[in-house]
Amino acid sequence: MPRKQELWACPVAVTVNLIGNKWKLLILRNLFSRPYRFNELRKSLNGISQKVLTENLRKMAADGIIMRIEFDEKVFHTEYKLTDLGESMRPIIKALENWGSEYMSKSAAD
């Protein structure tokens, strides 16, 4: 495991550290469309456990990619939405989407 100084010396490593797992990428994909409540986000991510979703959301909030908004209404609930930093990752996710679409179309042709 690289030390923190080594990690921050490589921009690719920084990006992978921030969004480099399956769930973080899918959370970002969903939050690009709109804010989500916790349970609707969990239901939209087939196969994710409550624990894993909670861990990823906490880490992404701590990293400044998303924000957690608490609503103290008749029924207390929370929503998650992108910060400006998270929104700036849209081109990265779009590039992954474009590459994946191209790969899928080439694979279907084989």
C-alpha atoms as a PDB file:
ATOM      1  CA  MET A   1       0.000   0.000   0.000  1.00  0.00           C
ATOM      2  CA  PRO A   2       1.528   3.339  -0.997  1.00  0.00           C
ATOM      3  CA  ARG A   3       2.063   5.950   1.677  1.00  0.00           C
ATOM      4  CA  LYS A   4      -0.137   9.042   1.573  1.00  0.00           C
ATOM      5  CA  GLN A   5       2.676  11.217   0.191  1.00  0.00           C
ATOM      6  CA  GLU A   6       3.175   8.737  -2.667  1.00  0.00           C
ATOM      7  CA  LEU A   7      -0.565   8.518  -3.343  1.00  0.00           C
ATOM      8  CA  TRP A   8      -0.982  12.282  -3.620  1.00  0.00           C
ATOM      9  CA  ALA A   9       1.972  12.468  -6.022  1.00  0.00           C
ATOM     10  CA  CYS A  10      -0.079  10.665  -8.681  1.00  0.00           C
ATOM     11  CA  PRO A  11      -3.304  12.301  -9.943  1.00  0.00           C
ATOM     12  CA  VAL A  12      -4.663   8.994 -11.256  1.00  0.00           C
ATOM     13  CA  ALA A  13      -4.178   7.375  -7.838  1.00  0.00           C
ATOM     14  CA  VAL A  14      -5.996  10.284  -6.181  1.00  0.00           C
ATOM     15  CA  THR A  15      -8.977   9.897  -8.527  1.00  0.00           C
ATOM     16  CA  VAL A  16      -9.088   6.121  -8.126  1.00  0.00           C
ATOM     17  CA  ASN A  17      -8.919   6.524  -4.360  1.00  0.00           C
ATOM     18  CA  LEU A  18     -11.898   8.906  -4.416  1.00  0.00           C
ATOM     19  CA  ILE A  19     -14.202   7.084  -6.845  1.00  0.00           C
ATOM     20  CA  GLY A  20     -12.461   3.833  -7.705  1.00  0.00           C
ATOM     21  CA  ASN A  21     -14.927   1.218  -6.611  1.00  0.00           C
ATOM     22  CA  LYS A  22     -18.030  -0.151  -8.248  1.00  0.00           C
ATOM     23  CA  TRP A  23     -20.458   1.296  -5.726  1.00  0.00           C
ATOM     24  CA  LYS A  24     -19.033   4.812  -5.659  1.00  0.00           C
ATOM     25  CA  LEU A  25     -19.247   5.002  -9.438  1.00  0.00           C
ATOM     26  CA  LEU A  26     -22.857   3.813  -9.432  1.00  0.00           C
ATOM     27  CA  ILE A  27     -23.781   6.181  -6.601  1.00  0.00           C
ATOM     28  CA  LEU A  28     -22.329   9.051  -8.640  1.00  0.00           C
ATOM     29  CA  ARG A  29     -24.172   7.882 -11.756  1.00  0.00           C
ATOM     30  CA  ASN A  30     -27.474   8.035  -9.888  1.00  0.00           C
ATOM     31  CA  LEU A  31     -26.824  11.332  -8.148  1.00  0.00           C
ATOM     32  CA  PHE A  32     -26.056  13.025 -11.478  1.00  0.00           C
ATOM     33  CA  SER A  33     -29.771  12.812 -12.248  1.00  0.00           C
ATOM     34  CA  ARG A  34     -31.149  14.116  -8.918  1.00  0.00           C
ATOM     35  CA  PRO A  35     -30.833  13.938  -5.123  1.00  0.00           C
ATOM     36  CA  TYR A  36     -31.776  10.582  -3.585  1.00  0.00           C
ATOM     37  CA  ARG A  37     -33.036   9.492  -0.203  1.00  0.00           C
ATOM     38  CA  PHE A  38     -31.046   6.677   1.392  1.00  0.00           C
ATOM     39  CA  ASN A  39     -33.599   3.906   0.829  1.00  0.00           C
ATOM     40  CA  GLU A  40     -34.370   4.839  -2.751  1.00  0.00           C
ATOM     41  CA  LEU A  41     -30.649   4.936  -3.476  1.00  0.00           C
ATOM     42  CA  ARG A  42     -30.235   1.486  -1.900  1.00  0.00           C
ATOM     43  CA  LYS A  43     -33.124   0.097  -3.965  1.00  0.00           C
ATOM     44  CA  SER A  44     -31.653   1.557  -7.154  1.00  0.00           C
ATOM     45  CA  LEU A  45     -28.307  -0.202  -6.570  1.00  0.00           C
ATOM     46  CA  ASN A  46     -29.061  -3.874  -7.007  1.00  0.00           C
ATOM     47  CA  GLY A  47     -26.969  -5.998  -4.655  1.00  0.00           C
ATOM     48  CA  ILE A  48     -25.590  -3.343  -2.315  1.00  0.00           C
ATOM     49  CA  SER A  49     -25.993  -3.912   1.420  1.00  0.00           C
ATOM     50  CA  GLN A  50     -27.094  -1.184   3.789  1.00  0.00           C
ATOM     51  CA  LYS A  51     -23.692  -1.334   5.505  1.00  0.00           C
ATOM     52  CA  VAL A  52     -21.707  -0.940   2.284  1.00  0.00           C
ATOM     53  CA  LEU A  53     -23.926   1.905   1.079  1.00  0.00           C
ATOM     54  CA  THR A  54     -23.568   3.692   4.410  1.00  0.00           C
ATOM     55  CA  GLU A  55     -19.769   3.296   4.368  1.00  0.00           C
ATOM     56  CA  ASN A  56     -19.482   4.590   0.810  1.00  0.00           C
ATOM     57  CA  LEU A  57     -21.797   7.546   1.415  1.00  0.00           C
ATOM     58  CA  ARG A  58     -19.890   8.523   4.554  1.00  0.00           C
ATOM     59  CA  LYS A  59     -16.553   8.327   2.746  1.00  0.00           C
ATOM     60  CA  MET A  60     -17.829  10.296  -0.238  1.00  0.00           C
ATOM     61  CA  ALA A  61     -19.265  12.968   2.087  1.00  0.00           C
ATOM     62  CA  ALA A  62     -15.981  13.154   4.032  1.00  0.00           C
ATOM     63  CA  ASP A  63     -14.120  13.552   0.722  1.00  0.00           C
ATOM     64  CA  GLY A  64     -16.457  16.415  -0.277  1.00  0.00           C
ATOM     65  CA  ILE A  65     -17.995  14.638  -3.278  1.00  0.00           C
ATOM     66  CA  ILE A  66     -21.544  14.469  -1.928  1.00  0.00           C
ATOM     67  CA  MET A  67     -23.483  16.159   0.839  1.00  0.00           C
ATOM     68  CA  ARG A  68     -25.954  14.709   3.289  1.00  0.00           C
ATOM     69  CA  ILE A  69     -28.996  16.872   3.907  1.00  0.00           C
ATOM     70  CA  GLU A  70     -31.219  16.172   6.902  1.00  0.00           C
ATOM     71  CA  PHE A  71     -34.896  17.110   6.823  1.00  0.00           C
ATOM     72  CA  ASP A  72     -36.515  17.423  10.220  1.00  0.00           C
ATOM     73  CA  GLU A  73     -40.094  17.360   9.037  1.00  0.00           C
ATOM     74  CA  LYS A  74     -43.065  15.317  10.191  1.00  0.00           C
ATOM     75  CA  VAL A  75     -41.068  12.267   9.172  1.00  0.00           C
ATOM     76  CA  PHE A  76     -37.289  12.742   9.524  1.00  0.00           C
ATOM     77  CA  HIS A  77     -35.338  11.798   6.406  1.00  0.00           C
ATOM     78  CA  THR A  78     -32.047  12.444   4.687  1.00  0.00           C
ATOM     79  CA  GLU A  79     -31.104  13.102   1.100  1.00  0.00           C
ATOM     80  CA  TYR A  80     -27.797  12.858  -0.673  1.00  0.00           C
ATOM     81  CA  LYS A  81     -26.772  15.166  -3.474  1.00  0.00           C
ATOM     82  CA  LEU A  82     -23.616  16.097  -5.324  1.00  0.00           C
ATOM     83  CA  THR A  83     -21.398  18.953  -4.246  1.00  0.00           C
ATOM     84  CA  ASP A  84     -19.706  21.143  -6.840  1.00  0.00           C
ATOM     85  CA  LEU A  85     -16.693  18.833  -6.541  1.00  0.00           C
ATOM     86  CA  GLY A  86     -18.896  15.818  -7.207  1.00  0.00           C
ATOM     87  CA  GLU A  87     -20.544  17.558 -10.141  1.00  0.00           C
ATOM     88  CA  SER A  88     -17.096  18.220 -11.608  1.00  0.00           C
ATOM     89  CA  MET A  89     -16.703  14.445 -11.965  1.00  0.00           C
ATOM     90  CA  ARG A  90     -19.497  14.296 -14.563  1.00  0.00           C
ATOM     91  CA  PRO A  91     -17.047  14.229 -17.538  1.00  0.00           C
ATOM     92  CA  ILE A  92     -15.163  11.318 -15.957  1.00  0.00           C
ATOM     93  CA  ILE A  93     -18.335   9.257 -15.563  1.00  0.00           C
ATOM     94  CA  LYS A  94     -19.519  10.277 -19.052  1.00  0.00           C
ATOM     95  CA  ALA A  95     -16.206   9.086 -20.505  1.00  0.00           C
ATOM     96  CA  LEU A  96     -16.641   5.735 -18.721  1.00  0.00           C
ATOM     97  CA  GLU A  97     -20.197   5.494 -20.054  1.00  0.00           C
ATOM     98  CA  ASN A  98     -19.086   6.258 -23.617  1.00  0.00           C
ATOM     99  CA  TRP A  99     -16.253   3.737 -23.453  1.00  0.00           C
ATOM    100  CA  GLY A 100     -18.581   1.077 -22.022  1.00  0.00           C
ATOM    101  CA  SER A 101     -21.182   1.699 -24.740  1.00  0.00           C
ATOM    102  CA  GLU A 102     -18.530   1.419 -27.429  1.00  0.00           C
ATOM    103  CA  TYR A 103     -17.189  -1.789 -25.921  1.00  0.00           C
ATOM    104  CA  MET A 104     -20.692  -3.273 -25.669  1.00  0.00           C
ATOM    105  CA  SER A 105     -21.477  -2.469 -29.301  1.00  0.00           C
ATOM    106  CA  LYS A 106     -18.187  -3.997 -30.489  1.00  0.00           C
ATOM    107  CA  SER A 107     -18.704  -7.091 -28.326  1.00  0.00           C
ATOM    108  CA  ALA A 108     -22.230  -7.562 -29.683  1.00  0.00           C
ATOM    109  CA  ALA A 109     -20.848  -7.459 -33.221  1.00  0.00           C
ATOM    110  CA  ASP A 110     -18.379 -10.298 -32.543  1.00  0.00           C
END
